[in-house]
Protein backbone atom coordinates (compact mmCIF):
# COMPACT_ATOMS: atom_id res chain seq x y z
CA MET A 1 -31.08 -9.59 -36.35
CA GLU A 2 -33.12 -9.29 -33.88
CA PHE A 3 -37.13 -10.71 -33.27
CA LYS A 4 -39.19 -11.15 -30.19
CA VAL A 5 -41.96 -13.59 -29.57
CA ASN A 6 -44.32 -14.85 -26.53
CA SER A 7 -43.02 -18.59 -25.55
CA LYS A 8 -46.41 -19.76 -25.07
CA SER A 9 -46.83 -18.75 -28.70
CA LEU A 10 -43.68 -19.99 -30.35
CA GLU A 11 -44.74 -23.56 -28.07
CA LYS A 12 -47.93 -23.73 -29.72
CA LEU A 13 -46.48 -23.01 -33.09
CA LEU A 14 -44.00 -25.64 -32.69
CA SER A 15 -46.05 -27.78 -31.42
CA LYS A 16 -47.79 -28.31 -34.95
CA ILE A 17 -44.67 -28.59 -36.82
CA ILE A 18 -42.71 -31.32 -34.54
CA PRO A 19 -44.90 -34.06 -36.01
CA ALA A 20 -42.68 -33.85 -39.51
CA VAL A 21 -39.35 -33.75 -37.36
CA PRO A 22 -37.68 -37.81 -38.45
CA VAL A 23 -36.79 -39.55 -34.84
CA ARG A 24 -34.25 -41.36 -36.98
CA THR A 25 -32.75 -40.25 -40.47
CA PRO A 26 -29.34 -40.70 -42.20
CA MET A 27 -30.14 -37.23 -43.10
CA PRO A 28 -28.89 -34.95 -40.35
CA ILE A 29 -30.51 -31.84 -41.93
CA LEU A 30 -34.07 -33.24 -41.63
CA GLU A 31 -33.92 -32.83 -37.27
CA ASN A 32 -34.42 -28.98 -38.07
CA PHE A 33 -36.62 -26.74 -38.42
CA LEU A 34 -36.11 -23.89 -40.98
CA PHE A 35 -36.87 -20.61 -39.98
CA ASP A 36 -38.05 -17.72 -42.46
CA ILE A 37 -38.26 -14.46 -41.74
CA LYS A 38 -39.30 -12.07 -44.33
CA ASP A 39 -41.18 -8.85 -43.94
CA GLY A 40 -42.01 -9.49 -40.83
CA LEU A 41 -43.33 -13.00 -41.25
CA MET A 42 -41.44 -15.84 -39.55
CA THR A 43 -42.67 -19.15 -41.23
CA VAL A 44 -41.55 -22.47 -39.63
CA SER A 45 -41.00 -25.52 -41.17
CA ALA A 46 -39.93 -28.52 -41.22
CA THR A 47 -39.90 -32.27 -44.07
CA ASP A 48 -39.28 -35.89 -43.26
CA LEU A 49 -39.31 -35.92 -47.23
CA GLU A 50 -42.58 -37.54 -47.00
CA ILE A 51 -44.45 -34.98 -45.12
CA ALA A 52 -44.34 -31.39 -44.34
CA LEU A 53 -45.85 -29.06 -41.94
CA ARG A 54 -45.25 -25.12 -41.92
CA LEU A 55 -46.79 -22.48 -40.37
CA SER A 56 -46.74 -18.65 -39.79
CA THR A 57 -46.76 -15.89 -37.19
CA ASN A 58 -46.04 -12.28 -37.21
CA VAL A 59 -42.89 -11.29 -35.31
CA PRO A 60 -41.74 -7.39 -35.27
CA SER A 61 -38.78 -7.65 -37.20
CA ASP A 62 -37.10 -5.30 -39.68
CA GLU A 63 -34.44 -7.54 -41.12
CA ASN A 64 -34.84 -11.03 -43.30
CA LEU A 65 -32.98 -14.19 -42.14
CA LYS A 66 -32.88 -17.62 -43.47
CA MET A 67 -31.36 -20.36 -40.44
CA VAL A 68 -31.55 -23.72 -39.51
CA ILE A 69 -32.10 -24.35 -36.05
CA PRO A 70 -32.45 -28.22 -34.11
CA ALA A 71 -35.47 -28.88 -34.08
CA ARG A 72 -36.00 -31.33 -30.55
CA LEU A 73 -33.68 -28.69 -28.32
CA LEU A 74 -35.31 -25.51 -29.25
CA TYR A 75 -38.71 -27.20 -28.95
CA ASP A 76 -37.36 -29.14 -25.39
CA ILE A 77 -35.95 -25.26 -24.27
CA ILE A 78 -39.53 -23.35 -25.56
CA ARG A 79 -41.94 -25.76 -23.19
CA SER A 80 -39.58 -25.98 -20.38
CA LEU A 81 -40.14 -22.25 -19.67
CA GLN A 82 -42.60 -20.51 -17.91
CA GLU A 83 -44.50 -17.93 -19.66
CA THR A 84 -42.29 -14.98 -20.97
CA GLN A 85 -41.00 -12.89 -23.71
CA ILE A 86 -38.20 -14.35 -25.80
CA THR A 87 -35.75 -12.64 -27.38
CA PHE A 88 -33.80 -13.99 -30.01
CA ASN A 89 -31.11 -12.54 -31.48
CA ALA A 90 -28.48 -13.81 -34.75
CA ASN A 91 -25.99 -11.63 -35.37
CA GLY A 92 -23.98 -13.38 -38.22
CA GLY A 93 -21.99 -16.62 -36.73
CA SER A 94 -23.15 -19.64 -35.71
CA LYS A 95 -24.79 -19.13 -32.42
CA LEU A 96 -28.49 -17.82 -31.92
CA LYS A 97 -28.88 -16.55 -28.64
CA LEU A 98 -32.08 -16.60 -26.77
CA THR A 99 -32.82 -14.08 -23.66
CA THR A 100 -35.67 -14.20 -21.42
CA ASP A 101 -36.12 -12.27 -18.14
CA ASN A 102 -34.10 -15.44 -16.52
CA GLY A 103 -32.04 -16.59 -18.68
CA ILE A 104 -29.59 -17.10 -21.66
CA TYR A 105 -29.54 -19.54 -24.18
CA ASN A 106 -27.08 -20.14 -26.96
CA ILE A 107 -27.95 -22.28 -29.56
CA GLY A 108 -25.53 -23.38 -32.84
CA TYR A 109 -27.68 -23.09 -36.06
CA THR A 110 -27.13 -23.01 -40.07
CA ALA A 111 -27.04 -21.36 -43.47
CA SER A 112 -30.52 -22.68 -45.11
CA GLU A 113 -29.03 -23.49 -48.18
CA ASP A 114 -29.00 -27.37 -47.43
CA PHE A 115 -32.36 -27.74 -46.07
CA PRO A 116 -35.00 -29.55 -48.77
CA GLU A 117 -37.34 -27.62 -50.44
CA ILE A 118 -40.59 -27.81 -49.61
CA PRO A 119 -43.18 -28.73 -52.87
CA SER A 120 -45.27 -25.95 -53.60
CA VAL A 121 -49.12 -27.56 -54.60
CA PRO A 122 -50.97 -25.32 -57.07
CA LYS A 123 -54.45 -23.88 -55.43
CA ASP A 124 -56.32 -23.58 -58.90
CA LYS A 125 -58.29 -26.28 -57.54
CA GLU A 126 -59.93 -25.89 -54.26
CA ILE A 127 -61.73 -28.83 -52.05
CA VAL A 128 -62.97 -27.39 -48.53
CA ILE A 129 -64.42 -30.24 -45.74
CA ASN A 130 -65.07 -29.74 -42.36
CA GLY A 131 -62.57 -31.00 -40.19
CA LEU A 132 -64.62 -32.96 -38.17
CA ASP A 133 -65.76 -34.45 -40.86
CA LEU A 134 -62.63 -35.43 -42.55
CA LYS A 135 -61.38 -36.74 -38.86
CA LYS A 136 -64.29 -38.80 -39.13
CA ALA A 137 -63.58 -40.43 -42.63
CA ILE A 138 -60.17 -40.70 -42.04
CA ASP A 139 -60.55 -42.19 -38.23
CA GLN A 140 -63.66 -44.79 -39.92
CA THR A 141 -60.67 -46.08 -42.91
CA SER A 142 -57.30 -46.20 -41.64
CA PHE A 143 -57.21 -48.72 -39.51
CA ALA A 144 -57.49 -51.09 -42.92
CA MET A 145 -54.68 -50.24 -44.55
CA SER A 146 -51.97 -52.58 -45.63
CA LYS A 147 -48.96 -52.42 -43.52
CA GLU A 148 -47.14 -54.98 -46.88
CA ASP A 149 -44.71 -52.38 -48.73
CA MET A 150 -45.13 -55.91 -51.84
CA ARG A 151 -48.25 -53.51 -52.75
CA PRO A 152 -47.67 -49.62 -52.21
CA ALA A 153 -51.19 -48.46 -53.45
CA MET A 154 -52.44 -50.20 -50.64
CA THR A 155 -50.72 -48.65 -47.60
CA GLY A 156 -52.09 -45.55 -48.41
CA THR A 157 -55.85 -44.20 -47.91
CA LEU A 158 -57.75 -43.62 -51.56
CA LEU A 159 -59.54 -39.91 -51.77
CA GLU A 160 -61.78 -40.86 -54.64
CA PHE A 161 -64.13 -37.45 -56.05
CA SER A 162 -67.28 -38.61 -57.54
CA GLN A 163 -70.78 -38.05 -58.53
CA GLU A 164 -71.91 -40.12 -55.66
CA GLY A 165 -69.62 -37.96 -53.08
CA LEU A 166 -65.79 -37.94 -51.77
CA LYS A 167 -64.81 -41.62 -51.24
CA PHE A 168 -62.45 -42.63 -48.68
CA VAL A 169 -61.08 -46.50 -49.43
CA THR A 170 -58.90 -48.12 -47.77
CA THR A 171 -57.86 -51.86 -47.71
CA ASP A 172 -55.55 -54.71 -46.89
CA GLY A 173 -56.80 -57.43 -49.22
CA HIS A 174 -58.74 -59.38 -46.01
CA ARG A 175 -61.12 -56.41 -45.33
CA LEU A 176 -61.99 -53.23 -46.72
CA VAL A 177 -63.81 -50.33 -46.26
CA LYS A 178 -65.45 -47.15 -47.96
CA PHE A 179 -66.22 -43.70 -46.30
CA VAL A 180 -68.42 -41.68 -48.50
CA ASN A 181 -69.21 -37.85 -47.47
CA LYS A 182 -72.25 -37.42 -50.05
CA ASN A 183 -71.57 -33.19 -49.67
CA ILE A 184 -68.18 -33.37 -51.65
CA LYS A 185 -69.29 -34.05 -55.25
CA SER A 186 -67.57 -34.12 -58.65
CA ASP A 187 -68.63 -34.80 -61.87
CA ARG A 188 -64.89 -35.65 -62.44
CA ASN A 189 -63.94 -39.17 -61.77
CA GLU A 190 -60.10 -38.37 -59.95
CA GLN A 191 -57.89 -40.81 -57.68
CA TYR A 192 -55.53 -39.82 -55.25
CA ILE A 193 -53.46 -42.00 -52.63
CA ILE A 194 -52.29 -40.48 -49.17
CA PRO A 195 -49.73 -42.31 -47.47
CA GLU A 196 -49.92 -43.90 -44.18
CA ARG A 197 -47.76 -41.34 -42.37
CA ALA A 198 -49.79 -38.35 -43.65
CA ILE A 199 -53.21 -39.89 -42.82
CA SER A 200 -51.63 -40.26 -39.17
CA VAL A 201 -50.49 -37.04 -38.62
CA LEU A 202 -53.54 -35.11 -40.41
CA SER A 203 -55.92 -36.87 -37.92
CA LYS A 204 -54.36 -35.69 -35.12
CA LEU A 205 -54.05 -32.05 -36.45
CA LEU A 206 -58.01 -31.85 -37.28
CA ASP A 207 -60.46 -29.67 -35.59
CA GLU A 208 -63.81 -27.93 -36.20
CA VAL A 209 -61.80 -25.54 -38.92
CA ASP A 210 -62.32 -26.26 -42.77
CA VAL A 211 -59.89 -27.85 -44.15
CA LYS A 212 -58.83 -26.81 -47.79
CA ILE A 213 -57.14 -29.68 -49.66
CA TYR A 214 -54.88 -28.59 -52.95
CA LEU A 215 -53.84 -31.87 -55.30
CA SER A 216 -51.71 -31.72 -58.36
CA LYS A 217 -50.30 -35.24 -60.11
CA SER A 218 -47.54 -35.91 -57.14
CA HIS A 219 -48.35 -33.68 -54.14
CA ALA A 220 -51.37 -32.78 -51.43
CA SER A 221 -51.52 -30.17 -50.02
CA PHE A 222 -53.88 -29.64 -46.81
CA PHE A 223 -54.67 -26.26 -44.91
CA ILE A 224 -55.87 -25.97 -41.48
CA GLY A 225 -55.92 -22.39 -40.78
CA GLU A 226 -53.03 -20.72 -41.36
CA LEU A 227 -50.75 -24.64 -40.53
CA GLU A 228 -49.94 -26.09 -43.99
CA LEU A 229 -49.52 -29.99 -43.93
CA VAL A 230 -47.92 -31.26 -47.72
CA THR A 231 -47.43 -34.53 -48.52
CA ARG A 232 -45.90 -36.64 -51.45
CA LEU A 233 -49.09 -38.79 -53.12
CA ILE A 234 -48.66 -42.50 -54.07
CA GLY A 235 -47.59 -42.82 -57.71
CA GLU A 236 -49.72 -45.84 -58.02
CA LYS A 237 -53.39 -47.19 -59.43
CA TYR A 238 -55.88 -48.30 -56.72
CA PRO A 239 -56.84 -52.12 -56.90
CA ALA A 240 -60.34 -52.01 -58.59
CA TYR A 241 -61.98 -52.26 -55.55
CA ASN A 242 -65.45 -52.11 -55.91
CA SER A 243 -65.28 -55.68 -58.02
CA VAL A 244 -64.64 -56.97 -54.68
CA ILE A 245 -67.63 -55.85 -53.17
CA PRO A 246 -70.42 -58.57 -53.47
CA LEU A 247 -73.63 -57.74 -54.72
CA GLU A 248 -76.00 -61.16 -53.43
CA ASN A 249 -75.29 -61.02 -50.06
CA GLU A 250 -79.09 -61.59 -49.35
CA ASN A 251 -78.78 -62.96 -45.38
CA LYS A 252 -78.85 -60.20 -43.16
CA LEU A 253 -78.27 -60.61 -39.50
CA PHE A 254 -79.36 -57.16 -37.25
CA VAL A 255 -77.60 -57.35 -33.99
CA ASN A 256 -76.19 -55.05 -31.25
CA ARG A 257 -72.46 -53.55 -32.12
CA THR A 258 -71.64 -52.98 -28.79
CA SER A 259 -72.93 -56.30 -27.54
CA LEU A 260 -71.35 -58.01 -30.28
CA ASN A 261 -67.87 -56.33 -29.90
CA SER A 262 -68.16 -57.51 -26.04
CA THR A 263 -68.22 -60.86 -27.06
CA ILE A 264 -65.56 -60.77 -29.73
CA LYS A 265 -63.48 -59.26 -27.27
CA ARG A 266 -63.74 -62.45 -25.05
CA MET A 267 -63.15 -64.93 -27.71
CA MET A 268 -59.82 -63.67 -28.67
CA LEU A 269 -58.52 -64.54 -25.06
CA PHE A 270 -59.89 -68.36 -26.09
CA SER A 271 -59.12 -68.19 -29.92
CA SER A 272 -55.46 -69.78 -31.23
CA SER A 273 -52.52 -67.37 -31.07
CA SER A 274 -51.73 -68.77 -34.89
CA SER A 275 -54.91 -68.66 -36.57
CA LYS A 276 -57.11 -66.10 -34.70
CA GLN A 277 -60.19 -67.56 -35.79
CA VAL A 278 -63.81 -66.90 -34.52
CA LYS A 279 -67.04 -68.86 -35.22
CA LEU A 280 -70.31 -67.57 -36.39
CA SER A 281 -73.12 -70.05 -36.18
CA ILE A 282 -76.29 -67.62 -37.47
CA GLY A 283 -79.78 -69.21 -37.38
CA HIS A 284 -83.62 -68.09 -37.36
CA ASN A 285 -82.77 -65.32 -34.76
CA LYS A 286 -80.23 -66.64 -33.22
CA LEU A 287 -76.10 -65.71 -33.34
CA GLN A 288 -73.66 -68.66 -31.12
CA ILE A 289 -70.05 -67.28 -31.34
CA SER A 290 -67.11 -70.19 -30.60
CA ALA A 291 -63.75 -69.83 -30.28
CA GLU A 292 -61.00 -73.05 -29.31
CA ASP A 293 -57.66 -72.83 -28.61
CA ILE A 294 -56.40 -76.57 -29.44
CA ASP A 295 -53.07 -75.68 -28.18
CA HIS A 296 -53.66 -74.78 -24.67
CA GLY A 297 -57.44 -76.77 -24.47
CA SER A 298 -59.41 -73.30 -23.66
CA ASP A 299 -62.83 -73.12 -25.54
CA ALA A 300 -65.63 -70.54 -25.07
CA VAL A 301 -69.67 -70.38 -26.84
CA GLU A 302 -71.43 -67.09 -25.96
CA ASN A 303 -74.96 -66.72 -27.53
CA ILE A 304 -76.35 -63.24 -28.62
CA ASP A 305 -79.43 -61.99 -29.74
CA CYS A 306 -80.38 -60.63 -32.88
CA ARG A 307 -82.72 -61.16 -36.02
CA TYR A 308 -82.00 -63.30 -38.93
CA ASP A 309 -84.77 -64.63 -41.67
CA GLY A 310 -82.07 -65.80 -44.35
CA GLU A 311 -80.38 -69.40 -44.11
CA SER A 312 -78.40 -70.97 -41.46
CA ILE A 313 -74.58 -69.98 -41.78
CA ASP A 314 -71.60 -71.51 -40.20
CA ILE A 315 -68.59 -68.80 -40.66
CA GLY A 316 -65.36 -68.12 -39.73
CA PHE A 317 -63.37 -64.52 -39.35
CA ASN A 318 -60.11 -63.40 -37.41
CA THR A 319 -61.06 -62.36 -34.31
CA ALA A 320 -59.02 -59.27 -34.62
CA TYR A 321 -60.14 -57.94 -37.91
CA VAL A 322 -63.73 -58.23 -36.82
CA ASN A 323 -62.77 -56.44 -33.80
CA ASP A 324 -61.04 -53.45 -35.56
CA ILE A 325 -63.95 -53.21 -37.86
CA LEU A 326 -66.61 -52.81 -34.56
CA THR A 327 -64.64 -50.61 -33.44
CA HIS A 328 -64.42 -48.17 -36.38
CA VAL A 329 -68.02 -48.62 -36.84
CA ASP A 330 -69.99 -45.15 -34.63
CA GLU A 331 -74.01 -46.66 -34.75
CA ASP A 332 -74.79 -49.11 -32.45
CA GLU A 333 -77.36 -51.40 -34.36
CA ILE A 334 -75.70 -53.01 -37.51
CA ILE A 335 -76.43 -55.39 -40.15
CA PHE A 336 -73.95 -58.32 -41.26
CA LYS A 337 -74.92 -59.10 -44.94
CA LEU A 338 -74.20 -62.63 -46.10
CA HIS A 339 -74.03 -65.30 -48.75
CA SER A 340 -72.03 -67.80 -48.11
CA SER A 341 -68.96 -69.04 -45.66
CA THR A 342 -66.56 -68.61 -48.39
CA LYS A 343 -67.93 -65.54 -49.68
CA ALA A 344 -67.17 -61.87 -48.05
CA CYS A 345 -69.35 -60.28 -45.88
CA ILE A 346 -70.49 -56.44 -45.74
CA ILE A 347 -70.93 -54.72 -42.72
CA GLU A 348 -72.82 -51.93 -42.42
CA PRO A 349 -74.95 -49.46 -39.81
CA GLU A 350 -78.53 -50.39 -39.85
CA LYS A 351 -79.62 -46.18 -40.25
CA ALA A 352 -76.96 -44.77 -42.90
CA ARG A 353 -76.17 -40.95 -41.08
CA GLU A 354 -77.86 -38.24 -43.63
CA ASN A 355 -75.12 -37.49 -46.34
CA GLU A 356 -72.78 -39.73 -45.68
CA GLU A 357 -72.65 -43.93 -46.30
CA LEU A 358 -70.12 -46.69 -44.46
CA MET A 359 -69.43 -49.82 -45.77
CA LEU A 360 -66.84 -52.19 -44.19
CA LEU A 361 -66.09 -55.80 -46.08
CA LEU A 362 -64.50 -58.61 -44.20
CA MET A 363 -63.07 -61.67 -45.93
CA PRO A 364 -63.90 -64.91 -44.12
CA VAL A 365 -61.27 -67.73 -42.58
CA ARG A 366 -61.64 -71.52 -43.14
CA LEU A 367 -63.52 -72.94 -40.79
CA ASN A 368 -61.11 -75.76 -38.59
CA SER A 369 -63.03 -79.34 -39.34
C-alpha cells in the first residue's frame, strides 16, 4: 500500500504521541508507534502500559494496514527533514520505504498483533473543562504528590467530584494542596486518582482548547481536540484528607509572597542539609526568619513587613517545602493561618479568585533547642 503525508504535519502529530513511548522497557514492542490506516484515516498510537496517546489524521489511501514502526527512529528522521511531501510505501515484507524529492529511507516494521491493546473508556459520562483551567489546577497541586510507593494513592492526584466543585488534591504527608474549580459541580461524590506519569504528560499537552474527560472504574480518558490520552487509575482509596485540615487556626499572618519567597530562598543557603530547617518568629506585625547550619558554622536572620495580631509563635518549617508552596501560589498577598508551633499551618491567597479556591497545608518541624 502507499500513502502520502506532509513532513511537518507528521512531525507535529508524532511530537504529541512520542511522550508515551518509554525510554527504557523490558518489552521492546513498546518502543514503537502503532500505525493503523483504515478508510483513509491514519491513527498513530503509543503506550508504556501506564498511559497511552493516540491521534488521527486523514491520509489519501485506498487500502487498510496496521503496522508497528520504531518510534524514535521514525520521529528523528521526520523532524530532520525540511518541509516536504513523504510517500510511504509498504508492499508486504518487513521494509517501509519513505520517499521524498531528495531521498529514500527504508525502515524495518512488523505486524501489529503483539502491540498492546489500548483500553477504551466508555463515553456515557462527559466532563468538559477548559484546558488552561485544567492546567492551572494541575500545576498548582502536582508538586505535592508523594514519591513514596509505600502509599500508592498518594503518588497520584485525586480528582473529587462534589457539590462544591471539582477538587484536585495532592499530599505527601508533609504538605497537602487542595484546588477547587467551582464551575464543575456534581450531585454525586466520586473520587478518581490519576497517576503522576499521566499528570506530568497531560500538563505539557494542555492549552486553551477545551478538554473532554471520560472516566471508568479503572481508566480515564482525556481528549484535547483530536488527541486522546488514556491512563490507568490508581485503584486505592485516597486518605481522608479533610480530617487533617485544622479548623481552629485563629492566628493570621498577612505577608507578601514574593518578599517571603525571596527570603526563604536565601535561608535555604544557610539551613542544615539534613534538617533543611527555617524558623519563623512571629509577633505583633513582626516576622523574623532565621536559619542556621551548625555543621558549617553559618547562620542568617531577616525581618519582613507583615500584619499579625495573634499570639506570638516560633514555628519551624522545611525550607524546601515552604519554597515549593510559595512558588505554586500565583497571588502576591497570602495568609498563613496558625494555631501553635506543633499544629499544621494553612496557607491561602488573601483574595480568592472567582469560582476557584486554593488551600495549602504545611506541617511544621520541631525546632532545634
